[in-house]
């Protein structure tokens, strides 16, 4: 649990600096755990875990906007480009946070 608290802390810091964050997980269970933890901290986010097939491409396309947090399993949103806004490019780009090795 210590690891996931550190992940949530890092996400919070990145969002404060207008960085979008893509969080990679290896299971639906971990993606849902992180989602619950983010909700407790009041951090808005999207979860892609292959449950919302139709909406996933739209969510992934918006993952490059400032302050956006997207949690995704390995299979979610494949084949969709993440477009970065100019503000995000200036802030340092899209931050990728891995929670474990696949």
Protein backbone atom coordinates (compact mmCIF):
# COMPACT_ATOMS: atom_id res chain seq x y z
CA UNK A 1 0.00 0.00 0.00
CA UNK A 2 2.99 2.29 0.63
CA UNK A 3 3.85 2.10 -3.08
CA UNK A 4 0.36 3.19 -4.13
CA UNK A 5 0.36 6.09 -1.65
CA UNK A 6 3.64 7.25 -3.23
CA UNK A 7 2.06 6.96 -6.69
CA UNK A 8 -0.92 9.07 -5.58
CA UNK A 9 1.43 11.68 -4.04
CA UNK A 10 3.39 11.90 -7.31
CA UNK A 11 0.17 12.26 -9.32
CA UNK A 12 -0.96 15.09 -7.04
CA UNK A 13 2.34 16.93 -7.52
CA UNK A 14 2.25 16.55 -11.29
CA UNK A 15 -1.35 17.76 -11.55
CA UNK A 16 -0.51 20.86 -9.48
CA UNK A 17 2.03 21.70 -12.19
CA UNK A 18 -0.53 21.29 -15.00
CA UNK A 19 1.05 18.06 -16.21
CA UNK A 20 -1.28 15.38 -17.53
CA UNK A 21 -0.57 11.95 -16.07
CA UNK A 22 -1.02 8.52 -17.64
CA UNK A 23 -0.86 5.81 -14.98
CA UNK A 24 -0.18 2.29 -16.24
CA UNK A 25 -1.49 -0.70 -14.32
CA UNK A 26 -1.46 -4.42 -15.04
CA UNK A 27 -4.92 -5.26 -13.72
CA UNK A 28 -8.45 -3.96 -13.41
CA UNK A 29 -8.21 -4.40 -9.64
CA UNK A 30 -5.19 -2.10 -9.31
CA UNK A 31 -6.76 0.50 -11.60
CA UNK A 32 -9.89 0.52 -9.43
CA UNK A 33 -7.84 0.73 -6.21
CA UNK A 34 -5.93 3.76 -7.53
CA UNK A 35 -9.21 5.32 -8.63
CA UNK A 36 -10.64 4.99 -5.12
CA UNK A 37 -7.47 6.53 -3.65
CA UNK A 38 -7.59 9.46 -6.08
CA UNK A 39 -11.26 10.05 -5.23
CA UNK A 40 -10.38 10.23 -1.54
CA UNK A 41 -7.84 12.96 -2.34
CA UNK A 42 -10.27 14.84 -4.57
CA UNK A 43 -8.19 14.33 -7.74
CA UNK A 44 -10.34 14.12 -10.87
CA UNK A 45 -9.39 11.27 -13.20
CA UNK A 46 -10.55 8.77 -15.80
CA UNK A 47 -10.17 5.00 -15.61
CA UNK A 48 -9.62 2.86 -18.69
CA UNK A 49 -9.71 -0.82 -17.94
CA UNK A 50 -11.36 -2.28 -21.02
CA UNK A 51 -14.82 -1.98 -19.49
CA UNK A 52 -15.90 1.13 -21.46
CA UNK A 53 -14.80 0.18 -24.98
CA UNK A 54 -16.80 2.87 -26.80
CA UNK A 55 -15.67 5.77 -24.63
CA UNK A 56 -12.03 4.75 -24.28
CA UNK A 57 -10.76 6.31 -27.51
CA UNK A 58 -12.32 9.65 -26.52
CA UNK A 59 -10.80 9.51 -23.03
CA UNK A 60 -7.34 8.61 -24.37
CA UNK A 61 -7.47 11.41 -26.93
CA UNK A 62 -8.03 13.89 -24.06
CA UNK A 63 -5.29 12.40 -21.85
CA UNK A 64 -2.83 15.05 -23.05
CA UNK A 65 -4.73 18.04 -21.66
CA UNK A 66 -3.33 19.93 -18.68
CA UNK A 67 -4.08 18.41 -15.29
CA UNK A 68 -5.79 15.32 -16.75
CA UNK A 69 -5.18 12.04 -14.91
CA UNK A 70 -5.84 8.81 -16.79
CA UNK A 71 -5.43 5.36 -15.24
CA UNK A 72 -5.14 2.61 -17.83
CA UNK A 73 -4.55 -1.12 -17.93
CA UNK A 74 -2.29 -2.50 -20.65
CA UNK A 75 -5.14 -3.22 -23.06
CA UNK A 76 -7.11 0.01 -22.68
CA UNK A 77 -7.33 2.60 -25.44
CA UNK A 78 -4.91 0.94 -27.84
CA UNK A 79 -4.43 2.62 -31.20
CA UNK A 80 -5.49 6.12 -30.12
CA UNK A 81 -3.10 9.07 -30.29
CA UNK A 82 -2.64 11.28 -27.23
CA UNK A 83 -2.42 14.87 -28.41
CA UNK A 84 -0.60 17.33 -26.14
CA UNK A 85 -1.76 20.92 -25.79
CA UNK A 86 0.84 23.71 -26.13
CA UNK A 87 0.53 24.44 -22.39
CA UNK A 88 1.33 20.80 -21.59
CA UNK A 89 4.38 20.85 -23.87
CA UNK A 90 5.65 23.92 -22.00
CA UNK A 91 4.98 22.30 -18.60
CA UNK A 92 7.11 19.27 -19.50
CA UNK A 93 4.79 16.98 -21.44
CA UNK A 94 2.80 13.92 -20.51
CA UNK A 95 4.03 12.20 -17.34
CA UNK A 96 3.93 8.39 -17.42
CA UNK A 97 3.72 6.59 -14.07
CA UNK A 98 4.05 2.81 -13.99
CA UNK A 99 2.75 0.96 -10.95
CA UNK A 100 4.44 -2.39 -11.60
CA UNK A 101 6.26 -4.39 -14.24
CA UNK A 102 3.97 -6.08 -16.76
